[in-house]
């Protein structure tokens, strides 16, 4: 969480596993 945010983020075709969060 930031006052300045990022722009245009693309999360695609990944294998995300065995964590607390995949994409947060």
PDBML (XML) file of the C-alpha atoms, coordinates in Angstrom:
<?xml version="1.0" encoding="UTF-8" ?>
<PDBx:datablock datablockName="MODEL"
   xmlns:PDBx="http://pdbml.pdb.org/schema/pdbx-v50.xsd"
   xmlns:xsi="http://www.w3.org/2001/XMLSchema-instance"
   xsi:schemaLocation="http://pdbml.pdb.org/schema/pdbx-v50.xsd pdbx-v50.xsd">
   <PDBx:atom_siteCategory>
      <PDBx:atom_site id="1">
         <PDBx:B_iso_or_equiv>0.00</PDBx:B_iso_or_equiv>
         <PDBx:Cartn_x>0.000</PDBx:Cartn_x>
         <PDBx:Cartn_y>0.000</PDBx:Cartn_y>
         <PDBx:Cartn_z>0.000</PDBx:Cartn_z>
         <PDBx:auth_asym_id>A</PDBx:auth_asym_id>
         <PDBx:auth_atom_id>CA</PDBx:auth_atom_id>
         <PDBx:auth_comp_id>UNK</PDBx:auth_comp_id>
         <PDBx:auth_seq_id>1</PDBx:auth_seq_id>
         <PDBx:group_PDB>ATOM</PDBx:group_PDB>
         <PDBx:label_alt_id xsi:nil="true" />
         <PDBx:label_asym_id>A</PDBx:label_asym_id>
         <PDBx:label_atom_id>CA</PDBx:label_atom_id>
         <PDBx:label_comp_id>UNK</PDBx:label_comp_id>
         <PDBx:label_entity_id>1</PDBx:label_entity_id>
         <PDBx:label_seq_id>1</PDBx:label_seq_id>
         <PDBx:occupancy>1.00</PDBx:occupancy>
         <PDBx:pdbx_PDB_model_num>1</PDBx:pdbx_PDB_model_num>
         <PDBx:type_symbol>C</PDBx:type_symbol>
      </PDBx:atom_site>
      <PDBx:atom_site id="2">
         <PDBx:B_iso_or_equiv>0.00</PDBx:B_iso_or_equiv>
         <PDBx:Cartn_x>1.587</PDBx:Cartn_x>
         <PDBx:Cartn_y>3.272</PDBx:Cartn_y>
         <PDBx:Cartn_z>-1.153</PDBx:Cartn_z>
         <PDBx:auth_asym_id>A</PDBx:auth_asym_id>
         <PDBx:auth_atom_id>CA</PDBx:auth_atom_id>
         <PDBx:auth_comp_id>UNK</PDBx:auth_comp_id>
         <PDBx:auth_seq_id>2</PDBx:auth_seq_id>
         <PDBx:group_PDB>ATOM</PDBx:group_PDB>
         <PDBx:label_alt_id xsi:nil="true" />
         <PDBx:label_asym_id>A</PDBx:label_asym_id>
         <PDBx:label_atom_id>CA</PDBx:label_atom_id>
         <PDBx:label_comp_id>UNK</PDBx:label_comp_id>
         <PDBx:label_entity_id>1</PDBx:label_entity_id>
         <PDBx:label_seq_id>2</PDBx:label_seq_id>
         <PDBx:occupancy>1.00</PDBx:occupancy>
         <PDBx:pdbx_PDB_model_num>1</PDBx:pdbx_PDB_model_num>
         <PDBx:type_symbol>C</PDBx:type_symbol>
      </PDBx:atom_site>
      <PDBx:atom_site id="3">
         <PDBx:B_iso_or_equiv>0.00</PDBx:B_iso_or_equiv>
         <PDBx:Cartn_x>0.535</PDBx:Cartn_x>
         <PDBx:Cartn_y>6.875</PDBx:Cartn_y>
         <PDBx:Cartn_z>-1.803</PDBx:Cartn_z>
         <PDBx:auth_asym_id>A</PDBx:auth_asym_id>
         <PDBx:auth_atom_id>CA</PDBx:auth_atom_id>
         <PDBx:auth_comp_id>UNK</PDBx:auth_comp_id>
         <PDBx:auth_seq_id>3</PDBx:auth_seq_id>
         <PDBx:group_PDB>ATOM</PDBx:group_PDB>
         <PDBx:label_alt_id xsi:nil="true" />
         <PDBx:label_asym_id>A</PDBx:label_asym_id>
         <PDBx:label_atom_id>CA</PDBx:label_atom_id>
         <PDBx:label_comp_id>UNK</PDBx:label_comp_id>
         <PDBx:label_entity_id>1</PDBx:label_entity_id>
         <PDBx:label_seq_id>3</PDBx:label_seq_id>
         <PDBx:occupancy>1.00</PDBx:occupancy>
         <PDBx:pdbx_PDB_model_num>1</PDBx:pdbx_PDB_model_num>
         <PDBx:type_symbol>C</PDBx:type_symbol>
      </PDBx:atom_site>
      <PDBx:atom_site id="4">
         <PDBx:B_iso_or_equiv>0.00</PDBx:B_iso_or_equiv>
         <PDBx:Cartn_x>2.021</PDBx:Cartn_x>
         <PDBx:Cartn_y>6.476</PDBx:Cartn_y>
         <PDBx:Cartn_z>-5.280</PDBx:Cartn_z>
         <PDBx:auth_asym_id>A</PDBx:auth_asym_id>
         <PDBx:auth_atom_id>CA</PDBx:auth_atom_id>
         <PDBx:auth_comp_id>UNK</PDBx:auth_comp_id>
         <PDBx:auth_seq_id>4</PDBx:auth_seq_id>
         <PDBx:group_PDB>ATOM</PDBx:group_PDB>
         <PDBx:label_alt_id xsi:nil="true" />
         <PDBx:label_asym_id>A</PDBx:label_asym_id>
         <PDBx:label_atom_id>CA</PDBx:label_atom_id>
         <PDBx:label_comp_id>UNK</PDBx:label_comp_id>
         <PDBx:label_entity_id>1</PDBx:label_entity_id>
         <PDBx:label_seq_id>4</PDBx:label_seq_id>
         <PDBx:occupancy>1.00</PDBx:occupancy>
         <PDBx:pdbx_PDB_model_num>1</PDBx:pdbx_PDB_model_num>
         <PDBx:type_symbol>C</PDBx:type_symbol>
      </PDBx:atom_site>
      <PDBx:atom_site id="5">
         <PDBx:B_iso_or_equiv>0.00</PDBx:B_iso_or_equiv>
         <PDBx:Cartn_x>0.749</PDBx:Cartn_x>
         <PDBx:Cartn_y>3.405</PDBx:Cartn_y>
         <PDBx:Cartn_z>-7.082</PDBx:Cartn_z>
         <PDBx:auth_asym_id>A</PDBx:auth_asym_id>
         <PDBx:auth_atom_id>CA</PDBx:auth_atom_id>
         <PDBx:auth_comp_id>UNK</PDBx:auth_comp_id>
         <PDBx:auth_seq_id>5</PDBx:auth_seq_id>
         <PDBx:group_PDB>ATOM</PDBx:group_PDB>
         <PDBx:label_alt_id xsi:nil="true" />
         <PDBx:label_asym_id>A</PDBx:label_asym_id>
         <PDBx:label_atom_id>CA</PDBx:label_atom_id>
         <PDBx:label_comp_id>UNK</PDBx:label_comp_id>
         <PDBx:label_entity_id>1</PDBx:label_entity_id>
         <PDBx:label_seq_id>5</PDBx:label_seq_id>
         <PDBx:occupancy>1.00</PDBx:occupancy>
         <PDBx:pdbx_PDB_model_num>1</PDBx:pdbx_PDB_model_num>
         <PDBx:type_symbol>C</PDBx:type_symbol>
      </PDBx:atom_site>
      <PDBx:atom_site id="6">
         <PDBx:B_iso_or_equiv>0.00</PDBx:B_iso_or_equiv>
         <PDBx:Cartn_x>2.095</PDBx:Cartn_x>
         <PDBx:Cartn_y>1.447</PDBx:Cartn_y>
         <PDBx:Cartn_z>-9.999</PDBx:Cartn_z>
         <PDBx:auth_asym_id>A</PDBx:auth_asym_id>
         <PDBx:auth_atom_id>CA</PDBx:auth_atom_id>
         <PDBx:auth_comp_id>UNK</PDBx:auth_comp_id>
         <PDBx:auth_seq_id>6</PDBx:auth_seq_id>
         <PDBx:group_PDB>ATOM</PDBx:group_PDB>
         <PDBx:label_alt_id xsi:nil="true" />
         <PDBx:label_asym_id>A</PDBx:label_asym_id>
         <PDBx:label_atom_id>CA</PDBx:label_atom_id>
         <PDBx:label_comp_id>UNK</PDBx:label_comp_id>
         <PDBx:label_entity_id>1</PDBx:label_entity_id>
         <PDBx:label_seq_id>6</PDBx:label_seq_id>
         <PDBx:occupancy>1.00</PDBx:occupancy>
         <PDBx:pdbx_PDB_model_num>1</PDBx:pdbx_PDB_model_num>
         <PDBx:type_symbol>C</PDBx:type_symbol>
      </PDBx:atom_site>
      <PDBx:atom_site id="7">
         <PDBx:B_iso_or_equiv>0.00</PDBx:B_iso_or_equiv>
         <PDBx:Cartn_x>0.418</PDBx:Cartn_x>
         <PDBx:Cartn_y>1.338</PDBx:Cartn_y>
         <PDBx:Cartn_z>-13.402</PDBx:Cartn_z>
         <PDBx:auth_asym_id>A</PDBx:auth_asym_id>
         <PDBx:auth_atom_id>CA</PDBx:auth_atom_id>
         <PDBx:auth_comp_id>UNK</PDBx:auth_comp_id>
         <PDBx:auth_seq_id>7</PDBx:auth_seq_id>
         <PDBx:group_PDB>ATOM</PDBx:group_PDB>
         <PDBx:label_alt_id xsi:nil="true" />
         <PDBx:label_asym_id>A</PDBx:label_asym_id>
         <PDBx:label_atom_id>CA</PDBx:label_atom_id>
         <PDBx:label_comp_id>UNK</PDBx:label_comp_id>
         <PDBx:label_entity_id>1</PDBx:label_entity_id>
         <PDBx:label_seq_id>7</PDBx:label_seq_id>
         <PDBx:occupancy>1.00</PDBx:occupancy>
         <PDBx:pdbx_PDB_model_num>1</PDBx:pdbx_PDB_model_num>
         <PDBx:type_symbol>C</PDBx:type_symbol>
      </PDBx:atom_site>
      <PDBx:atom_site id="8">
         <PDBx:B_iso_or_equiv>0.00</PDBx:B_iso_or_equiv>
         <PDBx:Cartn_x>-0.127</PDBx:Cartn_x>
         <PDBx:Cartn_y>-1.373</PDBx:Cartn_y>
         <PDBx:Cartn_z>-16.004</PDBx:Cartn_z>
         <PDBx:auth_asym_id>A</PDBx:auth_asym_id>
         <PDBx:auth_atom_id>CA</PDBx:auth_atom_id>
         <PDBx:auth_comp_id>UNK</PDBx:auth_comp_id>
         <PDBx:auth_seq_id>8</PDBx:auth_seq_id>
         <PDBx:group_PDB>ATOM</PDBx:group_PDB>
         <PDBx:label_alt_id xsi:nil="true" />
         <PDBx:label_asym_id>A</PDBx:label_asym_id>
         <PDBx:label_atom_id>CA</PDBx:label_atom_id>
         <PDBx:label_comp_id>UNK</PDBx:label_comp_id>
         <PDBx:label_entity_id>1</PDBx:label_entity_id>
         <PDBx:label_seq_id>8</PDBx:label_seq_id>
         <PDBx:occupancy>1.00</PDBx:occupancy>
         <PDBx:pdbx_PDB_model_num>1</PDBx:pdbx_PDB_model_num>
         <PDBx:type_symbol>C</PDBx:type_symbol>
      </PDBx:atom_site>
      <PDBx:atom_site id="9">
         <PDBx:B_iso_or_equiv>0.00</PDBx:B_iso_or_equiv>
         <PDBx:Cartn_x>0.806</PDBx:Cartn_x>
         <PDBx:Cartn_y>-4.588</PDBx:Cartn_y>
         <PDBx:Cartn_z>-14.218</PDBx:Cartn_z>
         <PDBx:auth_asym_id>A</PDBx:auth_asym_id>
         <PDBx:auth_atom_id>CA</PDBx:auth_atom_id>
         <PDBx:auth_comp_id>UNK</PDBx:auth_comp_id>
         <PDBx:auth_seq_id>9</PDBx:auth_seq_id>
         <PDBx:group_PDB>ATOM</PDBx:group_PDB>
         <PDBx:label_alt_id xsi:nil="true" />
         <PDBx:label_asym_id>A</PDBx:label_asym_id>
         <PDBx:label_atom_id>CA</PDBx:label_atom_id>
         <PDBx:label_comp_id>UNK</PDBx:label_comp_id>
         <PDBx:label_entity_id>1</PDBx:label_entity_id>
         <PDBx:label_seq_id>9</PDBx:label_seq_id>
         <PDBx:occupancy>1.00</PDBx:occupancy>
         <PDBx:pdbx_PDB_model_num>1</PDBx:pdbx_PDB_model_num>
         <PDBx:type_symbol>C</PDBx:type_symbol>
      </PDBx:atom_site>
      <PDBx:atom_site id="10">
         <PDBx:B_iso_or_equiv>0.00</PDBx:B_iso_or_equiv>
         <PDBx:Cartn_x>0.228</PDBx:Cartn_x>
         <PDBx:Cartn_y>-7.873</PDBx:Cartn_y>
         <PDBx:Cartn_z>-16.026</PDBx:Cartn_z>
         <PDBx:auth_asym_id>A</PDBx:auth_asym_id>
         <PDBx:auth_atom_id>CA</PDBx:auth_atom_id>
         <PDBx:auth_comp_id>UNK</PDBx:auth_comp_id>
         <PDBx:auth_seq_id>10</PDBx:auth_seq_id>
         <PDBx:group_PDB>ATOM</PDBx:group_PDB>
         <PDBx:label_alt_id xsi:nil="true" />
         <PDBx:label_asym_id>A</PDBx:label_asym_id>
         <PDBx:label_atom_id>CA</PDBx:label_atom_id>
         <PDBx:label_comp_id>UNK</PDBx:label_comp_id>
         <PDBx:label_entity_id>1</PDBx:label_entity_id>
         <PDBx:label_seq_id>10</PDBx:label_seq_id>
         <PDBx:occupancy>1.00</PDBx:occupancy>
         <PDBx:pdbx_PDB_model_num>1</PDBx:pdbx_PDB_model_num>
         <PDBx:type_symbol>C</PDBx:type_symbol>
      </PDBx:atom_site>
      <PDBx:atom_site id="11">
         <PDBx:B_iso_or_equiv>0.00</PDBx:B_iso_or_equiv>
         <PDBx:Cartn_x>0.539</PDBx:Cartn_x>
         <PDBx:Cartn_y>-11.204</PDBx:Cartn_y>
         <PDBx:Cartn_z>-14.154</PDBx:Cartn_z>
         <PDBx:auth_asym_id>A</PDBx:auth_asym_id>
         <PDBx:auth_atom_id>CA</PDBx:auth_atom_id>
         <PDBx:auth_comp_id>UNK</PDBx:auth_comp_id>
         <PDBx:auth_seq_id>11</PDBx:auth_seq_id>
         <PDBx:group_PDB>ATOM</PDBx:group_PDB>
         <PDBx:label_alt_id xsi:nil="true" />
         <PDBx:label_asym_id>A</PDBx:label_asym_id>
         <PDBx:label_atom_id>CA</PDBx:label_atom_id>
         <PDBx:label_comp_id>UNK</PDBx:label_comp_id>
         <PDBx:label_entity_id>1</PDBx:label_entity_id>
         <PDBx:label_seq_id>11</PDBx:label_seq_id>
         <PDBx:occupancy>1.00</PDBx:occupancy>
         <PDBx:pdbx_PDB_model_num>1</PDBx:pdbx_PDB_model_num>
         <PDBx:type_symbol>C</PDBx:type_symbol>
      </PDBx:atom_site>
      <PDBx:atom_site id="12">
         <PDBx:B_iso_or_equiv>0.00</PDBx:B_iso_or_equiv>
         <PDBx:Cartn_x>0.001</PDBx:Cartn_x>
         <PDBx:Cartn_y>-13.986</PDBx:Cartn_y>
         <PDBx:Cartn_z>-16.667</PDBx:Cartn_z>
         <PDBx:auth_asym_id>A</PDBx:auth_asym_id>
         <PDBx:auth_atom_id>CA</PDBx:auth_atom_id>
         <PDBx:auth_comp_id>UNK</PDBx:auth_comp_id>
         <PDBx:auth_seq_id>12</PDBx:auth_seq_id>
         <PDBx:group_PDB>ATOM</PDBx:group_PDB>
         <PDBx:label_alt_id xsi:nil="true" />
         <PDBx:label_asym_id>A</PDBx:label_asym_id>
         <PDBx:label_atom_id>CA</PDBx:label_atom_id>
         <PDBx:label_comp_id>UNK</PDBx:label_comp_id>
         <PDBx:label_entity_id>1</PDBx:label_entity_id>
         <PDBx:label_seq_id>12</PDBx:label_seq_id>
         <PDBx:occupancy>1.00</PDBx:occupancy>
         <PDBx:pdbx_PDB_model_num>1</PDBx:pdbx_PDB_model_num>
         <PDBx:type_symbol>C</PDBx:type_symbol>
      </PDBx:atom_site>
      <PDBx:atom_site id="13">
         <PDBx:B_iso_or_equiv>0.00</PDBx:B_iso_or_equiv>
         <PDBx:Cartn_x>0.667</PDBx:Cartn_x>
         <PDBx:Cartn_y>-17.694</PDBx:Cartn_y>
         <PDBx:Cartn_z>-17.313</PDBx:Cartn_z>
         <PDBx:auth_asym_id>A</PDBx:auth_asym_id>
         <PDBx:auth_atom_id>CA</PDBx:auth_atom_id>
         <PDBx:auth_comp_id>UNK</PDBx:auth_comp_id>
         <PDBx:auth_seq_id>13</PDBx:auth_seq_id>
         <PDBx:group_PDB>ATOM</PDBx:group_PDB>
         <PDBx:label_alt_id xsi:nil="true" />
         <PDBx:label_asym_id>A</PDBx:label_asym_id>
         <PDBx:label_atom_id>CA</PDBx:label_atom_id>
         <PDBx:label_comp_id>UNK</PDBx:label_comp_id>
         <PDBx:label_entity_id>1</PDBx:label_entity_id>
         <PDBx:label_seq_id>13</PDBx:label_seq_id>
         <PDBx:occupancy>1.00</PDBx:occupancy>
         <PDBx:pdbx_PDB_model_num>1</PDBx:pdbx_PDB_model_num>
         <PDBx:type_symbol>C</PDBx:type_symbol>
      </PDBx:atom_site>
      <PDBx:atom_site id="14">
         <PDBx:B_iso_or_equiv>0.00</PDBx:B_iso_or_equiv>
         <PDBx:Cartn_x>2.490</PDBx:Cartn_x>
         <PDBx:Cartn_y>-18.289</PDBx:Cartn_y>
         <PDBx:Cartn_z>-14.034</PDBx:Cartn_z>
         <PDBx:auth_asym_id>A</PDBx:auth_asym_id>
         <PDBx:auth_atom_id>CA</PDBx:auth_atom_id>
         <PDBx:auth_comp_id>UNK</PDBx:auth_comp_id>
         <PDBx:auth_seq_id>14</PDBx:auth_seq_id>
         <PDBx:group_PDB>ATOM</PDBx:group_PDB>
         <PDBx:label_alt_id xsi:nil="true" />
         <PDBx:label_asym_id>A</PDBx:label_asym_id>
         <PDBx:label_atom_id>CA</PDBx:label_atom_id>
         <PDBx:label_comp_id>UNK</PDBx:label_comp_id>
         <PDBx:label_entity_id>1</PDBx:label_entity_id>
         <PDBx:label_seq_id>14</PDBx:label_seq_id>
         <PDBx:occupancy>1.00</PDBx:occupancy>
         <PDBx:pdbx_PDB_model_num>1</PDBx:pdbx_PDB_model_num>
         <PDBx:type_symbol>C</PDBx:type_symbol>
      </PDBx:atom_site>
      <PDBx:atom_site id="15">
         <PDBx:B_iso_or_equiv>0.00</PDBx:B_iso_or_equiv>
         <PDBx:Cartn_x>2.447</PDBx:Cartn_x>
         <PDBx:Cartn_y>-21.230</PDBx:Cartn_y>
         <PDBx:Cartn_z>-11.646</PDBx:Cartn_z>
         <PDBx:auth_asym_id>A</PDBx:auth_asym_id>
         <PDBx:auth_atom_id>CA</PDBx:auth_atom_id>
         <PDBx:auth_comp_id>UNK</PDBx:auth_comp_id>
         <PDBx:auth_seq_id>15</PDBx:auth_seq_id>
         <PDBx:group_PDB>ATOM</PDBx:group_PDB>
         <PDBx:label_alt_id xsi:nil="true" />
         <PDBx:label_asym_id>A</PDBx:label_asym_id>
         <PDBx:label_atom_id>CA</PDBx:label_atom_id>
         <PDBx:label_comp_id>UNK</PDBx:label_comp_id>
         <PDBx:label_entity_id>1</PDBx:label_entity_id>
         <PDBx:label_seq_id>15</PDBx:label_seq_id>
         <PDBx:occupancy>1.00</PDBx:occupancy>
         <PDBx:pdbx_PDB_model_num>1</PDBx:pdbx_PDB_model_num>
         <PDBx:type_symbol>C</PDBx:type_symbol>
      </PDBx:atom_site>
      <PDBx:atom_site id="16">
         <PDBx:B_iso_or_equiv>0.00</PDBx:B_iso_or_equiv>
         <PDBx:Cartn_x>2.066</PDBx:Cartn_x>
         <PDBx:Cartn_y>-19.772</PDBx:Cartn_y>
         <PDBx:Cartn_z>-8.149</PDBx:Cartn_z>
         <PDBx:auth_asym_id>A</PDBx:auth_asym_id>
         <PDBx:auth_atom_id>CA</PDBx:auth_atom_id>
         <PDBx:auth_comp_id>UNK</PDBx:auth_comp_id>
         <PDBx:auth_seq_id>16</PDBx:auth_seq_id>
         <PDBx:group_PDB>ATOM</PDBx:group_PDB>
         <PDBx:label_alt_id xsi:nil="true" />
         <PDBx:label_asym_id>A</PDBx:label_asym_id>
         <PDBx:label_atom_id>CA</PDBx:label_atom_id>
         <PDBx:label_comp_id>UNK</PDBx:label_comp_id>
         <PDBx:label_entity_id>1</PDBx:label_entity_id>
         <PDBx:label_seq_id>16</PDBx:label_seq_id>
         <PDBx:occupancy>1.00</PDBx:occupancy>
         <PDBx:pdbx_PDB_model_num>1</PDBx:pdbx_PDB_model_num>
         <PDBx:type_symbol>C</PDBx:type_symbol>
      </PDBx:atom_site>
      <PDBx:atom_site id="17">
         <PDBx:B_iso_or_equiv>0.00</PDBx:B_iso_or_equiv>
         <PDBx:Cartn_x>2.109</PDBx:Cartn_x>
         <PDBx:Cartn_y>-22.280</PDBx:Cartn_y>
         <PDBx:Cartn_z>-5.321</PDBx:Cartn_z>
         <PDBx:auth_asym_id>A</PDBx:auth_asym_id>
         <PDBx:auth_atom_id>CA</PDBx:auth_atom_id>
         <PDBx:auth_comp_id>UNK</PDBx:auth_comp_id>
         <PDBx:auth_seq_id>17</PDBx:auth_seq_id>
         <PDBx:group_PDB>ATOM</PDBx:group_PDB>
         <PDBx:label_alt_id xsi:nil="true" />
         <PDBx:label_asym_id>A</PDBx:label_asym_id>
         <PDBx:label_atom_id>CA</PDBx:label_atom_id>
         <PDBx:label_comp_id>UNK</PDBx:label_comp_id>
         <PDBx:label_entity_id>1</PDBx:label_entity_id>
         <PDBx:label_seq_id>17</PDBx:label_seq_id>
         <PDBx:occupancy>1.00</PDBx:occupancy>
         <PDBx:pdbx_PDB_model_num>1</PDBx:pdbx_PDB_model_num>
         <PDBx:type_symbol>C</PDBx:type_symbol>
      </PDBx:atom_site>
      <PDBx:atom_site id="18">
         <PDBx:B_iso_or_equiv>0.00</PDBx:B_iso_or_equiv>
         <PDBx:Cartn_x>2.344</PDBx:Cartn_x>
         <PDBx:Cartn_y>-23.067</PDBx:Cartn_y>
         <PDBx:Cartn_z>-1.615</PDBx:Cartn_z>
         <PDBx:auth_asym_id>A</PDBx:auth_asym_id>
         <PDBx:auth_atom_id>CA</PDBx:auth_atom_id>
         <PDBx:auth_comp_id>UNK</PDBx:auth_comp_id>
         <PDBx:auth_seq_id>18</PDBx:auth_seq_id>
         <PDBx:group_PDB>ATOM</PDBx:group_PDB>
         <PDBx:label_alt_id xsi:nil="true" />
         <PDBx:label_asym_id>A</PDBx:label_asym_id>
         <PDBx:label_atom_id>CA</PDBx:label_atom_id>
         <PDBx:label_comp_id>UNK</PDBx:label_comp_id>
         <PDBx:label_entity_id>1</PDBx:label_entity_id>
         <PDBx:label_seq_id>18</PDBx:label_seq_id>
         <PDBx:occupancy>1.00</PDBx:occupancy>
         <PDBx:pdbx_PDB_model_num>1</PDBx:pdbx_PDB_model_num>
         <PDBx:type_symbol>C</PDBx:type_symbol>
      </PDBx:atom_site>
      <PDBx:atom_site id="19">
         <PDBx:B_iso_or_equiv>0.00</PDBx:B_iso_or_equiv>
         <PDBx:Cartn_x>2.396</PDBx:Cartn_x>
         <PDBx:Cartn_y>-19.534</PDBx:Cartn_y>
         <PDBx:Cartn_z>-0.184</PDBx:Cartn_z>
         <PDBx:auth_asym_id>A</PDBx:auth_asym_id>
         <PDBx:auth_atom_id>CA</PDBx:auth_atom_id>
         <PDBx:auth_comp_id>UNK</PDBx:auth_comp_id>
         <PDBx:auth_seq_id>19</PDBx:auth_seq_id>
         <PDBx:group_PDB>ATOM</PDBx:group_PDB>
         <PDBx:label_alt_id xsi:nil="true" />
         <PDBx:label_asym_id>A</PDBx:label_asym_id>
         <PDBx:label_atom_id>CA</PDBx:label_atom_id>
         <PDBx:label_comp_id>UNK</PDBx:label_comp_id>
         <PDBx:label_entity_id>1</PDBx:label_entity_id>
         <PDBx:label_seq_id>19</PDBx:label_seq_id>
         <PDBx:occupancy>1.00</PDBx:occupancy>
         <PDBx:pdbx_PDB_model_num>1</PDBx:pdbx_PDB_model_num>
         <PDBx:type_symbol>C</PDBx:type_symbol>
      </PDBx:atom_site>
      <PDBx:atom_site id="20">
         <PDBx:B_iso_or_equiv>0.00</PDBx:B_iso_or_equiv>
         <PDBx:Cartn_x>0.173</PDBx:Cartn_x>
         <PDBx:Cartn_y>-17.296</PDBx:Cartn_y>
         <PDBx:Cartn_z>1.950</PDBx:Cartn_z>
         <PDBx:auth_asym_id>A</PDBx:auth_asym_id>
         <PDBx:auth_atom_id>CA</PDBx:auth_atom_id>
         <PDBx:auth_comp_id>UNK</PDBx:auth_comp_id>
         <PDBx:auth_seq_id>20</PDBx:auth_seq_id>
         <PDBx:group_PDB>ATOM</PDBx:group_PDB>
         <PDBx:label_alt_id xsi:nil="true" />
         <PDBx:label_asym_id>A</PDBx:label_asym_id>
         <PDBx:label_atom_id>CA</PDBx:label_atom_id>
         <PDBx:label_comp_id>UNK</PDBx:label_comp_id>
         <PDBx:label_entity_id>1</PDBx:label_entity_id>
         <PDBx:label_seq_id>20</PDBx:label_seq_id>
         <PDBx:occupancy>1.00</PDBx:occupancy>
         <PDBx:pdbx_PDB_model_num>1</PDBx:pdbx_PDB_model_num>
         <PDBx:type_symbol>C</PDBx:type_symbol>
      </PDBx:atom_site>
      <PDBx:atom_site id="21">
         <PDBx:B_iso_or_equiv>0.00</PDBx:B_iso_or_equiv>
         <PDBx:Cartn_x>-0.922</PDBx:Cartn_x>
         <PDBx:Cartn_y>-15.278</PDBx:Cartn_y>
         <PDBx:Cartn_z>-1.109</PDBx:Cartn_z>
         <PDBx:auth_asym_id>A</PDBx:auth_asym_id>
         <PDBx:auth_atom_id>CA</PDBx:auth_atom_id>
         <PDBx:auth_comp_id>UNK</PDBx:auth_comp_id>
         <PDBx:auth_seq_id>21</PDBx:auth_seq_id>
         <PDBx:group_PDB>ATOM</PDBx:group_PDB>
         <PDBx:label_alt_id xsi:nil="true" />
         <PDBx:label_asym_id>A</PDBx:label_asym_id>
         <PDBx:label_atom_id>CA</PDBx:label_atom_id>
         <PDBx:label_comp_id>UNK</PDBx:label_comp_id>
         <PDBx:label_entity_id>1</PDBx:label_entity_id>
         <PDBx:label_seq_id>21</PDBx:label_seq_id>
         <PDBx:occupancy>1.00</PDBx:occupancy>
         <PDBx:pdbx_PDB_model_num>1</PDBx:pdbx_PDB_model_num>
         <PDBx:type_symbol>C</PDBx:type_symbol>
      </PDBx:atom_site>
      <PDBx:atom_site id="22">
         <PDBx:B_iso_or_equiv>0.00</PDBx:B_iso_or_equiv>
         <PDBx:Cartn_x>-0.642</PDBx:Cartn_x>
         <PDBx:Cartn_y>-15.810</PDBx:Cartn_y>
         <PDBx:Cartn_z>-4.829</PDBx:Cartn_z>
         <PDBx:auth_asym_id>A</PDBx:auth_asym_id>
         <PDBx:auth_atom_id>CA</PDBx:auth_atom_id>
         <PDBx:auth_comp_id>UNK</PDBx:auth_comp_id>
         <PDBx:auth_seq_id>22</PDBx:auth_seq_id>
         <PDBx:group_PDB>ATOM</PDBx:group_PDB>
         <PDBx:label_alt_id xsi:nil="true" />
         <PDBx:label_asym_id>A</PDBx:label_asym_id>
         <PDBx:label_atom_id>CA</PDBx:label_atom_id>
         <PDBx:label_comp_id>UNK</PDBx:label_comp_id>
         <PDBx:label_entity_id>1</PDBx:label_entity_id>
         <PDBx:label_seq_id>22</PDBx:label_seq_id>
         <PDBx:occupancy>1.00</PDBx:occupancy>
         <PDBx:pdbx_PDB_model_num>1</PDBx:pdbx_PDB_model_num>
         <PDBx:type_symbol>C</PDBx:type_symbol>
      </PDBx:atom_site>
      <PDBx:atom_site id="23">
         <PDBx:B_iso_or_equiv>0.00</PDBx:B_iso_or_equiv>
         <PDBx:Cartn_x>-1.151</PDBx:Cartn_x>
         <PDBx:Cartn_y>-12.214</PDBx:Cartn_y>
         <PDBx:Cartn_z>-6.003</PDBx:Cartn_z>
         <PDBx:auth_asym_id>A</PDBx:auth_asym_id>
         <PDBx:auth_atom_id>CA</PDBx:auth_atom_id>
         <PDBx:auth_comp_id>UNK</PDBx:auth_comp_id>
         <PDBx:auth_seq_id>23</PDBx:auth_seq_id>
         <PDBx:group_PDB>ATOM</PDBx:group_PDB>
         <PDBx:label_alt_id xsi:nil="true" />
         <PDBx:label_asym_id>A</PDBx:label_asym_id>
         <PDBx:label_atom_id>CA</PDBx:label_atom_id>
         <PDBx:label_comp_id>UNK</PDBx:label_comp_id>
         <PDBx:label_entity_id>1</PDBx:label_entity_id>
         <PDBx:label_seq_id>23</PDBx:label_seq_id>
         <PDBx:occupancy>1.00</PDBx:occupancy>
         <PDBx:pdbx_PDB_model_num>1</PDBx:pdbx_PDB_model_num>
         <PDBx:type_symbol>C</PDBx:type_symbol>
      </PDBx:atom_site>
      <PDBx:atom_site id="24">
         <PDBx:B_iso_or_equiv>0.00</PDBx:B_iso_or_equiv>
         <PDBx:Cartn_x>-1.654</PDBx:Cartn_x>
         <PDBx:Cartn_y>-9.483</PDBx:Cartn_y>
         <PDBx:Cartn_z>-3.382</PDBx:Cartn_z>
         <PDBx:auth_asym_id>A</PDBx:auth_asym_id>
         <PDBx:auth_atom_id>CA</PDBx:auth_atom_id>
         <PDBx:auth_comp_id>UNK</PDBx:auth_comp_id>
         <PDBx:auth_seq_id>24</PDBx:auth_seq_id>
         <PDBx:group_PDB>ATOM</PDBx:group_PDB>
         <PDBx:label_alt_id xsi:nil="true" />
         <PDBx:label_asym_id>A</PDBx:label_asym_id>
         <PDBx:label_atom_id>CA</PDBx:label_atom_id>
         <PDBx:label_comp_id>UNK</PDBx:label_comp_id>
         <PDBx:label_entity_id>1</PDBx:label_entity_id>
         <PDBx:label_seq_id>24</PDBx:label_seq_id>
         <PDBx:occupancy>1.00</PDBx:occupancy>
         <PDBx:pdbx_PDB_model_num>1</PDBx:pdbx_PDB_model_num>
         <PDBx:type_symbol>C</PDBx:type_symbol>
      </PDBx:atom_site>
   </PDBx:atom_siteCategory>
</PDBx:datablock>
